[in-house]
Amino acid sequence: MMMLEHPTLVNSCTFATTANQLCIIKDGMYINPATLYGNDTQLNECEVYKVEQNPQISAKVKPWRNVQWTEKQRDELMKMIRSYKPMMPSVSRVRILMIGPVGAGKSSFFNSINSVFMGRMTSKAMSGSAGTSLTTQFRTYTVKDGREGKPLPFVLCDTMGLEEQSGAGLDIDDISSILQGHVPDRYKFNPTTPFQPDEQKSSRPASLQEKIHCVVYVIDATKISLMSSKLEEKLAAIRRKVNTLGIPQMVLMTKVDEACPDVEEDLQNIYITSYIKTKVQEVSSRLGVPVSCVLPVKNYSQELELELNCDVLLLTAIQQMLNFADDYLDDVGPF
């Protein structure tokens, strides 16, 4: 038996040298390289190198979207949102409807935005994890600019979560009524019976102020690939209805930190990692929404203090919603 000298373990393989020949031992078994490499394995020297990624190089990868992760940027976003005025004088606050599967983070998004402007963690909307929707009512949430501040110029409308099976979760007919401004705040959803508007109210069209001006689909990044065909069909049916009304649509892709370890380690990696970009493209394809209309965010869930990077992503999403609402108001014109 040949004696091996200077063994080196690399990825479960041991490379060693005899007098002048390279030998390989893998998983405890000797592999004769002569039979693998045509007997051309005579060596005078053998050096084994381990290749590692240089973190300084990876940090220089060009992000696929540009974000300023600074306090100045956060302050500017908050200032723009505070000073925003809808294009139509008849609309004092734009209404943004959030739609998505159970547990995707619709209520958590409102709580997160509310926390940013309150300067502390809040939990006004019921949120958490459950097999069925924790939201059973249609809620219209205003966000105040601080404890003693005025309401900001937008309303976040929260709905019951979508479910796969028929007769469960938010009904598509209910969504149609919400879009057209017929459903009142705190209306309790009944999955088996769609909303029936009051005859007196239904006889007149809702005002522009009461209608929805932007629709946001809230999708869990960890479950995009697991989305069932039935749920995908429901979302497609909703999109068709929204399209007929000419309402702009976008996607919030939540729980990005749970979907990607690099993002969990540092939220600033969100637009550097190719995995998140792949997920954005996937949800864009599944929902039929342009990639530019998909915004990954992280809601506050377990934190006790606000965090700059998280604030920047959340505020950027709100700014985009206001822009889309303006597009709608500009399109419909004065009524």
C-alpha atoms as a PDB file:
ATOM      1  CA  MET A   1       0.000   0.000   0.000  1.00  0.00           C
ATOM      2  CA  MET A   2       1.305   3.427  -0.894  1.00  0.00           C
ATOM      3  CA  MET A   3       1.776   5.808   2.007  1.00  0.00           C
ATOM      4  CA  LEU A   4       0.090   9.200   1.575  1.00  0.00           C
ATOM      5  CA  GLU A   5       1.771  12.395   2.740  1.00  0.00           C
ATOM      6  CA  HIS A   6       0.365  15.841   3.608  1.00  0.00           C
ATOM      7  CA  PRO A   7      -3.398  15.114   3.315  1.00  0.00           C
ATOM      8  CA  THR A   8      -5.722  18.123   2.878  1.00  0.00           C
ATOM      9  CA  LEU A   9      -9.525  17.981   3.298  1.00  0.00           C
ATOM     10  CA  VAL A  10     -11.546  20.119   0.859  1.00  0.00           C
ATOM     11  CA  ASN A  11     -15.347  19.663   0.602  1.00  0.00           C
ATOM     12  CA  SER A  12     -15.290  16.053   1.883  1.00  0.00           C
ATOM     13  CA  CYS A  13     -12.445  15.053  -0.486  1.00  0.00           C
ATOM     14  CA  THR A  14      -8.897  14.397   0.751  1.00  0.00           C
ATOM     15  CA  PHE A  15      -6.123  15.319  -1.667  1.00  0.00           C
ATOM     16  CA  ALA A  16      -2.748  13.800  -0.886  1.00  0.00           C
ATOM     17  CA  THR A  17       0.551  13.182  -2.616  1.00  0.00           C
ATOM     18  CA  THR A  18       2.649  10.081  -2.919  1.00  0.00           C
ATOM     19  CA  ALA A  19       6.255  10.403  -4.008  1.00  0.00           C
ATOM     20  CA  ASN A  20       5.214  12.114  -7.237  1.00  0.00           C
ATOM     21  CA  GLN A  21       1.549  11.263  -7.861  1.00  0.00           C
ATOM     22  CA  LEU A  22      -1.725  12.855  -6.797  1.00  0.00           C
ATOM     23  CA  CYS A  23      -4.200  10.567  -5.040  1.00  0.00           C
ATOM     24  CA  ILE A  24      -7.798  11.306  -4.059  1.00  0.00           C
ATOM     25  CA  ILE A  25      -9.685   9.836  -1.138  1.00  0.00           C
ATOM     26  CA  LYS A  26     -13.447  10.597  -1.122  1.00  0.00           C
ATOM     27  CA  ASP A  27     -15.841   9.430   1.592  1.00  0.00           C
ATOM     28  CA  GLY A  28     -13.231   6.956   2.848  1.00  0.00           C
ATOM     29  CA  MET A  29     -12.685   5.337  -0.563  1.00  0.00           C
ATOM     30  CA  TYR A  30      -9.499   5.542  -2.607  1.00  0.00           C
ATOM     31  CA  ILE A  31      -9.963   6.839  -6.162  1.00  0.00           C
ATOM     32  CA  ASN A  32      -7.186   6.073  -8.598  1.00  0.00           C
ATOM     33  CA  PRO A  33      -6.808   9.212 -10.740  1.00  0.00           C
ATOM     34  CA  ALA A  34      -4.689   7.291 -13.268  1.00  0.00           C
ATOM     35  CA  THR A  35      -7.801   5.542 -14.525  1.00  0.00           C
ATOM     36  CA  LEU A  36      -9.705   8.819 -14.609  1.00  0.00           C
ATOM     37  CA  TYR A  37      -7.133  11.068 -16.263  1.00  0.00           C
ATOM     38  CA  GLY A  38      -5.396   8.833 -18.771  1.00  0.00           C
ATOM     39  CA  ASN A  39      -2.362   8.079 -16.581  1.00  0.00           C
ATOM     40  CA  ASP A  40      -1.166  11.673 -17.059  1.00  0.00           C
ATOM     41  CA  THR A  41      -0.952  12.426 -13.354  1.00  0.00           C
ATOM     42  CA  GLN A  42       2.787  12.566 -12.689  1.00  0.00           C
ATOM     43  CA  LEU A  43       3.401  15.537 -10.405  1.00  0.00           C
ATOM     44  CA  ASN A  44       6.474  17.211  -8.988  1.00  0.00           C
ATOM     45  CA  GLU A  45       4.401  19.400  -6.658  1.00  0.00           C
ATOM     46  CA  CYS A  46       0.760  19.600  -5.574  1.00  0.00           C
ATOM     47  CA  GLU A  47      -0.929  22.660  -4.105  1.00  0.00           C
ATOM     48  CA  VAL A  48      -4.542  22.755  -2.908  1.00  0.00           C
ATOM     49  CA  TYR A  49      -6.439  26.049  -2.680  1.00  0.00           C
ATOM     50  CA  LYS A  50      -9.697  26.868  -0.960  1.00  0.00           C
ATOM     51  CA  VAL A  51     -11.754  29.533  -2.733  1.00  0.00           C
ATOM     52  CA  GLU A  52     -13.767  31.904  -0.535  1.00  0.00           C
ATOM     53  CA  GLN A  53     -16.021  34.811  -1.470  1.00  0.00           C
ATOM     54  CA  ASN A  54     -14.554  38.172  -0.635  1.00  0.00           C
ATOM     55  CA  PRO A  55     -17.213  40.132   1.322  1.00  0.00           C
ATOM     56  CA  GLN A  56     -15.745  43.393   0.072  1.00  0.00           C
ATOM     57  CA  ILE A  57     -16.344  42.294  -3.516  1.00  0.00           C
ATOM     58  CA  SER A  58     -19.933  41.171  -2.841  1.00  0.00           C
ATOM     59  CA  ALA A  59     -20.655  44.492  -1.166  1.00  0.00           C
ATOM     60  CA  LYS A  60     -19.764  46.284  -4.396  1.00  0.00           C
ATOM     61  CA  VAL A  61     -22.393  44.455  -6.460  1.00  0.00           C
ATOM     62  CA  LYS A  62     -24.563  47.021  -8.192  1.00  0.00           C
ATOM     63  CA  PRO A  63     -28.086  47.004  -6.724  1.00  0.00           C
ATOM     64  CA  TRP A  64     -30.929  46.390  -9.179  1.00  0.00           C
ATOM     65  CA  ARG A  65     -32.851  49.259  -7.549  1.00  0.00           C
ATOM     66  CA  ASN A  66     -31.353  52.334  -5.966  1.00  0.00           C
ATOM     67  CA  VAL A  67     -32.346  53.240  -2.427  1.00  0.00           C
ATOM     68  CA  GLN A  68     -30.860  55.865  -0.134  1.00  0.00           C
ATOM     69  CA  TRP A  69     -30.583  54.205   3.263  1.00  0.00           C
ATOM     70  CA  THR A  70     -30.203  57.436   5.228  1.00  0.00           C
ATOM     71  CA  GLU A  71     -32.066  59.384   7.883  1.00  0.00           C
ATOM     72  CA  LYS A  72     -32.255  62.257   5.412  1.00  0.00           C
ATOM     73  CA  GLN A  73     -34.117  60.045   2.938  1.00  0.00           C
ATOM     74  CA  ARG A  74     -36.528  58.853   5.623  1.00  0.00           C
ATOM     75  CA  ASP A  75     -37.217  62.446   6.688  1.00  0.00           C
ATOM     76  CA  GLU A  76     -37.760  63.556   3.090  1.00  0.00           C
ATOM     77  CA  LEU A  77     -40.198  60.723   2.444  1.00  0.00           C
ATOM     78  CA  MET A  78     -42.149  61.588   5.598  1.00  0.00           C
ATOM     79  CA  LYS A  79     -42.196  65.240   4.584  1.00  0.00           C
ATOM     80  CA  MET A  80     -43.501  64.425   1.097  1.00  0.00           C
ATOM     81  CA  ILE A  81     -46.242  62.203   2.514  1.00  0.00           C
ATOM     82  CA  ARG A  82     -47.290  64.840   5.051  1.00  0.00           C
ATOM     83  CA  SER A  83     -47.502  67.540   2.394  1.00  0.00           C
ATOM     84  CA  TYR A  84     -49.248  65.374  -0.210  1.00  0.00           C
ATOM     85  CA  LYS A  85     -52.554  66.692  -1.577  1.00  0.00           C
ATOM     86  CA  PRO A  86     -54.765  64.617  -3.898  1.00  0.00           C
ATOM     87  CA  MET A  87     -55.101  66.011  -7.408  1.00  0.00           C
ATOM     88  CA  MET A  88     -58.869  66.382  -7.074  1.00  0.00           C
ATOM     89  CA  PRO A  89     -60.129  69.053  -4.627  1.00  0.00           C
ATOM     90  CA  SER A  90     -63.182  66.888  -3.894  1.00  0.00           C
ATOM     91  CA  VAL A  91     -60.940  64.169  -2.451  1.00  0.00           C
ATOM     92  CA  SER A  92     -59.376  65.039   0.901  1.00  0.00           C
ATOM     93  CA  ARG A  93     -57.719  61.647   1.427  1.00  0.00           C
ATOM     94  CA  VAL A  94     -57.015  58.935  -1.133  1.00  0.00           C
ATOM     95  CA  ARG A  95     -58.289  55.464  -0.327  1.00  0.00           C
ATOM     96  CA  ILE A  96     -55.933  52.509  -0.757  1.00  0.00           C
ATOM     97  CA  LEU A  97     -57.398  48.994  -0.688  1.00  0.00           C
ATOM     98  CA  MET A  98     -55.223  46.121   0.533  1.00  0.00           C
ATOM     99  CA  ILE A  99     -56.091  42.637  -0.744  1.00  0.00           C
ATOM    100  CA  GLY A 100     -54.247  39.394  -0.126  1.00  0.00           C
ATOM    101  CA  PRO A 101     -54.252  35.845   1.234  1.00  0.00           C
ATOM    102  CA  VAL A 102     -54.719  35.105   4.910  1.00  0.00           C
ATOM    103  CA  GLY A 103     -51.590  35.951   6.903  1.00  0.00           C
ATOM    104  CA  ALA A 104     -49.817  37.876   4.133  1.00  0.00           C
ATOM    105  CA  GLY A 105     -49.419  40.991   6.290  1.00  0.00           C
ATOM    106  CA  LYS A 106     -52.165  43.467   5.320  1.00  0.00           C
ATOM    107  CA  SER A 107     -52.984  44.526   8.875  1.00  0.00           C
ATOM    108  CA  SER A 108     -49.310  44.404   9.832  1.00  0.00           C
ATOM    109  CA  PHE A 109     -48.524  46.862   7.041  1.00  0.00           C
ATOM    110  CA  PHE A 110     -50.965  49.385   8.469  1.00  0.00           C
ATOM    111  CA  ASN A 111     -49.541  48.871  11.964  1.00  0.00           C
ATOM    112  CA  SER A 112     -46.030  49.373  10.586  1.00  0.00           C
ATOM    113  CA  ILE A 113     -46.901  52.629   8.781  1.00  0.00           C
ATOM    114  CA  ASN A 114     -48.769  53.838  11.849  1.00  0.00           C
ATOM    115  CA  SER A 115     -45.708  53.032  13.972  1.00  0.00           C
ATOM    116  CA  VAL A 116     -43.399  55.059  11.703  1.00  0.00           C
ATOM    117  CA  PHE A 117     -45.503  58.216  12.042  1.00  0.00           C
ATOM    118  CA  MET A 118     -46.261  57.692  15.737  1.00  0.00           C
ATOM    119  CA  GLY A 119     -42.559  57.223  16.463  1.00  0.00           C
ATOM    120  CA  ARG A 120     -43.192  54.036  18.429  1.00  0.00           C
ATOM    121  CA  MET A 121     -44.528  50.535  17.939  1.00  0.00           C
ATOM    122  CA  THR A 122     -48.315  50.372  17.573  1.00  0.00           C
ATOM    123  CA  SER A 123     -50.838  47.571  17.159  1.00  0.00           C
ATOM    124  CA  LYS A 124     -54.095  49.260  16.220  1.00  0.00           C
ATOM    125  CA  ALA A 125     -55.143  46.664  13.657  1.00  0.00           C
ATOM    126  CA  MET A 126     -55.471  43.051  14.731  1.00  0.00           C
ATOM    127  CA  SER A 127     -52.637  41.038  13.226  1.00  0.00           C
ATOM    128  CA  GLY A 128     -50.869  37.755  13.793  1.00  0.00           C
ATOM    129  CA  SER A 129     -50.788  34.227  12.432  1.00  0.00           C
ATOM    130  CA  ALA A 130     -53.846  32.002  12.171  1.00  0.00           C
ATOM    131  CA  GLY A 131     -55.346  29.472   9.803  1.00  0.00           C
ATOM    132  CA  THR A 132     -58.198  31.823   8.935  1.00  0.00           C
ATOM    133  CA  SER A 133     -58.385  35.585   8.557  1.00  0.00           C
ATOM    134  CA  LEU A 134     -58.042  37.596  11.758  1.00  0.00           C
ATOM    135  CA  THR A 135     -59.702  40.498   9.959  1.00  0.00           C
ATOM    136  CA  THR A 136     -63.433  39.846   9.703  1.00  0.00           C
ATOM    137  CA  GLN A 137     -64.580  43.431   9.089  1.00  0.00           C
ATOM    138  CA  PHE A 138     -63.965  46.006   6.410  1.00  0.00           C
ATOM    139  CA  ARG A 139     -61.832  48.632   8.147  1.00  0.00           C
ATOM    140  CA  THR A 140     -60.763  52.045   6.958  1.00  0.00           C
ATOM    141  CA  TYR A 141     -57.696  53.220   8.869  1.00  0.00           C
ATOM    142  CA  THR A 142     -56.394  56.771   8.955  1.00  0.00           C
ATOM    143  CA  VAL A 143     -52.829  57.418  10.067  1.00  0.00           C
ATOM    144  CA  LYS A 144     -52.144  60.382  12.340  1.00  0.00           C
ATOM    145  CA  ASP A 145     -48.962  62.407  12.098  1.00  0.00           C
ATOM    146  CA  GLY A 146     -47.882  61.743  15.669  1.00  0.00           C
ATOM    147  CA  ARG A 147     -49.970  61.459  18.799  1.00  0.00           C
ATOM    148  CA  GLU A 148     -51.370  64.986  18.603  1.00  0.00           C
ATOM    149  CA  GLY A 149     -51.002  65.334  14.831  1.00  0.00           C
ATOM    150  CA  LYS A 150     -53.577  65.599  12.087  1.00  0.00           C
ATOM    151  CA  PRO A 151     -54.666  62.625   9.952  1.00  0.00           C
ATOM    152  CA  LEU A 152     -52.414  62.107   6.951  1.00  0.00           C
ATOM    153  CA  PRO A 153     -53.895  62.426   3.422  1.00  0.00           C
ATOM    154  CA  PHE A 154     -54.538  58.710   2.839  1.00  0.00           C
ATOM    155  CA  VAL A 155     -56.736  55.932   4.171  1.00  0.00           C
ATOM    156  CA  LEU A 156     -55.625  52.280   4.261  1.00  0.00           C
ATOM    157  CA  CYS A 157     -58.584  49.953   3.742  1.00  0.00           C
ATOM    158  CA  ASP A 158     -58.154  46.504   5.271  1.00  0.00           C
ATOM    159  CA  THR A 159     -60.150  43.480   4.162  1.00  0.00           C
ATOM    160  CA  MET A 160     -60.733  39.890   5.122  1.00  0.00           C
ATOM    161  CA  GLY A 161     -58.037  37.559   3.788  1.00  0.00           C
ATOM    162  CA  LEU A 162     -58.477  35.575   0.582  1.00  0.00           C
ATOM    163  CA  GLU A 163     -58.803  31.805   0.886  1.00  0.00           C
ATOM    164  CA  GLU A 164     -58.591  29.041  -1.714  1.00  0.00           C
ATOM    165  CA  GLN A 165     -61.932  27.351  -1.248  1.00  0.00           C
ATOM    166  CA  SER A 166     -65.225  28.901  -2.279  1.00  0.00           C
ATOM    167  CA  GLY A 167     -67.459  30.086   0.537  1.00  0.00           C
ATOM    168  CA  ALA A 168     -64.459  31.061   2.661  1.00  0.00           C
ATOM    169  CA  GLY A 169     -62.522  34.277   3.011  1.00  0.00           C
ATOM    170  CA  LEU A 170     -63.263  37.508   1.142  1.00  0.00           C
ATOM    171  CA  ASP A 171     -65.876  37.200  -1.615  1.00  0.00           C
ATOM    172  CA  ILE A 172     -65.090  38.707  -5.025  1.00  0.00           C
ATOM    173  CA  ASP A 173     -68.536  40.367  -5.091  1.00  0.00           C
ATOM    174  CA  ASP A 174     -67.642  42.110  -1.827  1.00  0.00           C
ATOM    175  CA  ILE A 175     -64.481  43.459  -3.440  1.00  0.00           C
ATOM    176  CA  SER A 176     -66.554  44.923  -6.274  1.00  0.00           C
ATOM    177  CA  SER A 177     -68.763  46.729  -3.755  1.00  0.00           C
ATOM    178  CA  ILE A 178     -65.709  48.039  -1.882  1.00  0.00           C
ATOM    179  CA  LEU A 179     -64.082  49.336  -5.058  1.00  0.00           C
ATOM    180  CA  GLN A 180     -67.190  51.306  -5.919  1.00  0.00           C
ATOM    181  CA  GLY A 181     -67.428  52.849  -2.454  1.00  0.00           C
ATOM    182  CA  HIS A 182     -70.587  51.124  -1.203  1.00  0.00           C
ATOM    183  CA  VAL A 183     -69.226  49.201   1.813  1.00  0.00           C
ATOM    184  CA  PRO A 184     -69.178  51.146   5.116  1.00  0.00           C
ATOM    185  CA  ASP A 185     -66.415  51.004   7.713  1.00  0.00           C
ATOM    186  CA  ARG A 186     -66.747  48.092  10.168  1.00  0.00           C
ATOM    187  CA  TYR A 187     -69.002  46.091   7.862  1.00  0.00           C
ATOM    188  CA  LYS A 188     -68.712  42.446   8.978  1.00  0.00           C
ATOM    189  CA  PHE A 189     -67.976  40.118   6.085  1.00  0.00           C
ATOM    190  CA  ASN A 190     -70.048  36.989   5.528  1.00  0.00           C
ATOM    191  CA  PRO A 191     -68.164  34.591   3.199  1.00  0.00           C
ATOM    192  CA  THR A 192     -71.397  32.826   2.233  1.00  0.00           C
ATOM    193  CA  THR A 193     -73.441  35.992   1.539  1.00  0.00           C
ATOM    194  CA  PRO A 194     -72.033  38.942  -0.431  1.00  0.00           C
ATOM    195  CA  PHE A 195     -72.616  42.509   0.720  1.00  0.00           C
ATOM    196  CA  GLN A 196     -76.070  43.866  -0.074  1.00  0.00           C
ATOM    197  CA  PRO A 197     -76.053  47.674  -0.297  1.00  0.00           C
ATOM    198  CA  ASP A 198     -78.860  49.703   1.196  1.00  0.00           C
ATOM    199  CA  GLU A 199     -81.476  50.368  -1.513  1.00  0.00           C
ATOM    200  CA  GLN A 200     -81.483  54.102  -0.867  1.00  0.00           C
ATOM    201  CA  LYS A 201     -77.677  54.321  -1.052  1.00  0.00           C
ATOM    202  CA  SER A 202     -77.343  51.976  -4.004  1.00  0.00           C
ATOM    203  CA  SER A 203     -79.699  54.141  -6.039  1.00  0.00           C
ATOM    204  CA  ARG A 204     -77.049  56.869  -6.185  1.00  0.00           C
ATOM    205  CA  PRO A 205     -73.438  56.406  -7.290  1.00  0.00           C
ATOM    206  CA  ALA A 206     -70.784  56.760  -4.619  1.00  0.00           C
ATOM    207  CA  SER A 207     -68.756  59.956  -4.634  1.00  0.00           C
ATOM    208  CA  LEU A 208     -65.176  59.963  -5.847  1.00  0.00           C
ATOM    209  CA  GLN A 209     -64.121  60.470  -2.213  1.00  0.00           C
ATOM    210  CA  GLU A 210     -65.773  57.163  -1.235  1.00  0.00           C
ATOM    211  CA  LYS A 211     -64.288  55.053  -4.029  1.00  0.00           C
ATOM    212  CA  ILE A 212     -60.980  53.177  -4.020  1.00  0.00           C
ATOM    213  CA  HIS A 213     -58.139  55.012  -5.781  1.00  0.00           C
ATOM    214  CA  CYS A 214     -55.375  52.374  -5.633  1.00  0.00           C
ATOM    215  CA  VAL A 215     -55.391  48.602  -5.082  1.00  0.00           C
ATOM    216  CA  VAL A 216     -52.478  46.876  -3.364  1.00  0.00           C
ATOM    217  CA  TYR A 217     -52.026  43.093  -3.392  1.00  0.00           C
ATOM    218  CA  VAL A 218     -50.145  41.938  -0.301  1.00  0.00           C
ATOM    219  CA  ILE A 219     -48.228  38.709  -0.965  1.00  0.00           C
ATOM    220  CA  ASP A 220     -46.003  36.695   1.383  1.00  0.00           C
ATOM    221  CA  ALA A 221     -42.571  36.248  -0.246  1.00  0.00           C
ATOM    222  CA  THR A 222     -42.124  32.852   1.415  1.00  0.00           C
ATOM    223  CA  LYS A 223     -45.297  31.455  -0.192  1.00  0.00           C
ATOM    224  CA  ILE A 224     -45.179  32.751  -3.762  1.00  0.00           C
ATOM    225  CA  SER A 225     -44.003  29.425  -5.181  1.00  0.00           C
ATOM    226  CA  LEU A 226     -46.595  27.602  -3.051  1.00  0.00           C
ATOM    227  CA  MET A 227     -49.550  29.654  -4.306  1.00  0.00           C
ATOM    228  CA  SER A 228     -52.312  27.306  -5.397  1.00  0.00           C
ATOM    229  CA  SER A 229     -53.981  27.523  -8.781  1.00  0.00           C
ATOM    230  CA  LYS A 230     -57.326  28.266  -7.093  1.00  0.00           C
ATOM    231  CA  LEU A 231     -55.910  31.258  -5.238  1.00  0.00           C
ATOM    232  CA  GLU A 232     -54.169  32.417  -8.388  1.00  0.00           C
ATOM    233  CA  GLU A 233     -57.498  32.235 -10.234  1.00  0.00           C
ATOM    234  CA  LYS A 234     -59.182  34.317  -7.520  1.00  0.00           C
ATOM    235  CA  LEU A 235     -56.509  36.987  -7.773  1.00  0.00           C
ATOM    236  CA  ALA A 236     -56.817  36.980 -11.574  1.00  0.00           C
ATOM    237  CA  ALA A 237     -60.599  37.473 -11.303  1.00  0.00           C
ATOM    238  CA  ILE A 238     -60.071  40.390  -8.912  1.00  0.00           C
ATOM    239  CA  ARG A 239     -57.521  41.947 -11.253  1.00  0.00           C
ATOM    240  CA  ARG A 240     -59.976  41.753 -14.144  1.00  0.00           C
ATOM    241  CA  LYS A 241     -62.597  43.540 -12.056  1.00  0.00           C
ATOM    242  CA  VAL A 242     -60.123  46.223 -10.975  1.00  0.00           C
ATOM    243  CA  ASN A 243     -58.948  46.672 -14.560  1.00  0.00           C
ATOM    244  CA  THR A 244     -62.495  47.358 -15.761  1.00  0.00           C
ATOM    245  CA  LEU A 245     -62.673  50.247 -13.268  1.00  0.00           C
ATOM    246  CA  GLY A 246     -59.308  51.634 -14.338  1.00  0.00           C
ATOM    247  CA  ILE A 247     -57.845  51.560 -10.827  1.00  0.00           C
ATOM    248  CA  PRO A 248     -54.007  51.349 -10.594  1.00  0.00           C
ATOM    249  CA  GLN A 249     -52.615  48.226  -8.951  1.00  0.00           C
ATOM    250  CA  MET A 250     -49.362  47.284  -7.268  1.00  0.00           C
ATOM    251  CA  VAL A 251     -47.938  44.477  -5.140  1.00  0.00           C
ATOM    252  CA  LEU A 252     -46.381  44.562  -1.687  1.00  0.00           C
ATOM    253  CA  MET A 253     -44.118  41.548  -1.251  1.00  0.00           C
ATOM    254  CA  THR A 254     -43.845  41.033   2.504  1.00  0.00           C
ATOM    255  CA  LYS A 255     -41.699  38.884   4.819  1.00  0.00           C
ATOM    256  CA  VAL A 256     -38.602  39.296   2.659  1.00  0.00           C
ATOM    257  CA  ASP A 257     -36.398  38.748   5.714  1.00  0.00           C
ATOM    258  CA  GLU A 258     -37.949  35.312   6.249  1.00  0.00           C
ATOM    259  CA  ALA A 259     -37.531  34.460   2.577  1.00  0.00           C
ATOM    260  CA  CYS A 260     -33.847  35.353   2.288  1.00  0.00           C
ATOM    261  CA  PRO A 261     -31.090  34.956   4.937  1.00  0.00           C
ATOM    262  CA  ASP A 262     -29.005  37.721   3.330  1.00  0.00           C
ATOM    263  CA  VAL A 263     -31.877  40.166   3.800  1.00  0.00           C
ATOM    264  CA  GLU A 264     -32.497  38.935   7.330  1.00  0.00           C
ATOM    265  CA  GLU A 265     -28.861  39.694   8.108  1.00  0.00           C
ATOM    266  CA  ASP A 266     -28.994  43.163   6.530  1.00  0.00           C
ATOM    267  CA  LEU A 267     -32.112  44.729   5.018  1.00  0.00           C
ATOM    268  CA  GLN A 268     -29.941  46.805   2.707  1.00  0.00           C
ATOM    269  CA  ASN A 269     -29.220  43.587   0.780  1.00  0.00           C
ATOM    270  CA  ILE A 270     -32.812  43.542  -0.445  1.00  0.00           C
ATOM    271  CA  TYR A 271     -31.941  45.083  -3.823  1.00  0.00           C
ATOM    272  CA  ILE A 272     -28.584  43.329  -4.113  1.00  0.00           C
ATOM    273  CA  THR A 273     -29.520  39.684  -3.679  1.00  0.00           C
ATOM    274  CA  SER A 274     -30.642  37.923  -6.841  1.00  0.00           C
ATOM    275  CA  TYR A 275     -33.056  35.741  -4.850  1.00  0.00           C
ATOM    276  CA  ILE A 276     -35.370  38.648  -3.997  1.00  0.00           C
ATOM    277  CA  LYS A 277     -35.187  39.840  -7.604  1.00  0.00           C
ATOM    278  CA  THR A 278     -36.246  36.358  -8.734  1.00  0.00           C
ATOM    279  CA  LYS A 279     -39.188  36.433  -6.305  1.00  0.00           C
ATOM    280  CA  VAL A 280     -40.244  39.870  -7.550  1.00  0.00           C
ATOM    281  CA  GLN A 281     -40.209  38.561 -11.117  1.00  0.00           C
ATOM    282  CA  GLU A 282     -42.139  35.462 -10.091  1.00  0.00           C
ATOM    283  CA  VAL A 283     -44.949  37.344  -8.355  1.00  0.00           C
ATOM    284  CA  SER A 284     -45.037  39.772 -11.291  1.00  0.00           C
ATOM    285  CA  SER A 285     -45.580  36.842 -13.657  1.00  0.00           C
ATOM    286  CA  ARG A 286     -48.171  35.091 -11.488  1.00  0.00           C
ATOM    287  CA  LEU A 287     -50.289  38.198 -10.857  1.00  0.00           C
ATOM    288  CA  GLY A 288     -49.751  39.894 -14.205  1.00  0.00           C
ATOM    289  CA  VAL A 289     -48.383  43.067 -12.607  1.00  0.00           C
ATOM    290  CA  PRO A 290     -45.291  44.815 -14.050  1.00  0.00           C
ATOM    291  CA  VAL A 291     -42.043  44.242 -12.143  1.00  0.00           C
ATOM    292  CA  SER A 292     -41.832  47.991 -11.517  1.00  0.00           C
ATOM    293  CA  CYS A 293     -45.105  47.737  -9.577  1.00  0.00           C
ATOM    294  CA  VAL A 294     -43.797  45.098  -7.134  1.00  0.00           C
ATOM    295  CA  LEU A 295     -42.266  46.511  -3.952  1.00  0.00           C
ATOM    296  CA  PRO A 296     -40.610  44.232  -1.379  1.00  0.00           C
ATOM    297  CA  VAL A 297     -41.059  45.421   2.210  1.00  0.00           C
ATOM    298  CA  LYS A 298     -40.554  44.254   5.748  1.00  0.00           C
ATOM    299  CA  ASN A 299     -43.344  44.867   8.234  1.00  0.00           C
ATOM    300  CA  TYR A 300     -42.564  45.357  11.881  1.00  0.00           C
ATOM    301  CA  SER A 301     -43.354  42.089  13.660  1.00  0.00           C
ATOM    302  CA  GLN A 302     -41.006  41.298  16.541  1.00  0.00           C
ATOM    303  CA  GLU A 303     -39.095  44.582  16.927  1.00  0.00           C
ATOM    304  CA  LEU A 304     -39.503  46.870  19.926  1.00  0.00           C
ATOM    305  CA  GLU A 305     -37.831  49.886  18.310  1.00  0.00           C
ATOM    306  CA  LEU A 306     -38.113  51.499  14.897  1.00  0.00           C
ATOM    307  CA  GLU A 307     -35.361  50.727  12.395  1.00  0.00           C
ATOM    308  CA  LEU A 308     -34.141  53.099   9.675  1.00  0.00           C
ATOM    309  CA  ASN A 309     -33.903  50.621   6.777  1.00  0.00           C
ATOM    310  CA  CYS A 310     -37.347  49.228   7.479  1.00  0.00           C
ATOM    311  CA  ASP A 311     -38.831  52.750   7.623  1.00  0.00           C
ATOM    312  CA  VAL A 312     -37.323  53.692   4.253  1.00  0.00           C
ATOM    313  CA  LEU A 313     -38.893  50.682   2.503  1.00  0.00           C
ATOM    314  CA  LEU A 314     -42.303  51.211   4.121  1.00  0.00           C
ATOM    315  CA  LEU A 315     -42.394  54.936   3.342  1.00  0.00           C
ATOM    316  CA  THR A 316     -41.248  54.333  -0.234  1.00  0.00           C
ATOM    317  CA  ALA A 317     -44.203  51.974  -0.671  1.00  0.00           C
ATOM    318  CA  ILE A 318     -46.663  54.592   0.626  1.00  0.00           C
ATOM    319  CA  GLN A 319     -45.175  57.228  -1.658  1.00  0.00           C
ATOM    320  CA  GLN A 320     -45.695  54.923  -4.658  1.00  0.00           C
ATOM    321  CA  MET A 321     -49.319  54.285  -3.626  1.00  0.00           C
ATOM    322  CA  LEU A 322     -49.977  58.033  -3.491  1.00  0.00           C
ATOM    323  CA  ASN A 323     -48.424  58.434  -6.949  1.00  0.00           C
ATOM    324  CA  PHE A 324     -50.687  55.697  -8.323  1.00  0.00           C
ATOM    325  CA  ALA A 325     -53.754  57.237  -6.673  1.00  0.00           C
ATOM    326  CA  ASP A 326     -52.918  60.532  -8.368  1.00  0.00           C
ATOM    327  CA  ASP A 327     -52.700  58.697 -11.692  1.00  0.00           C
ATOM    328  CA  TYR A 328     -56.245  57.430 -11.135  1.00  0.00           C
ATOM    329  CA  LEU A 329     -57.613  60.830 -10.118  1.00  0.00           C
ATOM    330  CA  ASP A 330     -55.929  62.449 -13.081  1.00  0.00           C
ATOM    331  CA  ASP A 331     -57.524  59.862 -15.381  1.00  0.00           C
ATOM    332  CA  VAL A 332     -61.118  60.042 -14.102  1.00  0.00           C
ATOM    333  CA  GLY A 333     -61.217  63.840 -14.075  1.00  0.00           C
ATOM    334  CA  PRO A 334     -63.561  66.026 -12.017  1.00  0.00           C
ATOM    335  CA  PHE A 335     -67.051  64.840 -11.103  1.00  0.00           C
END
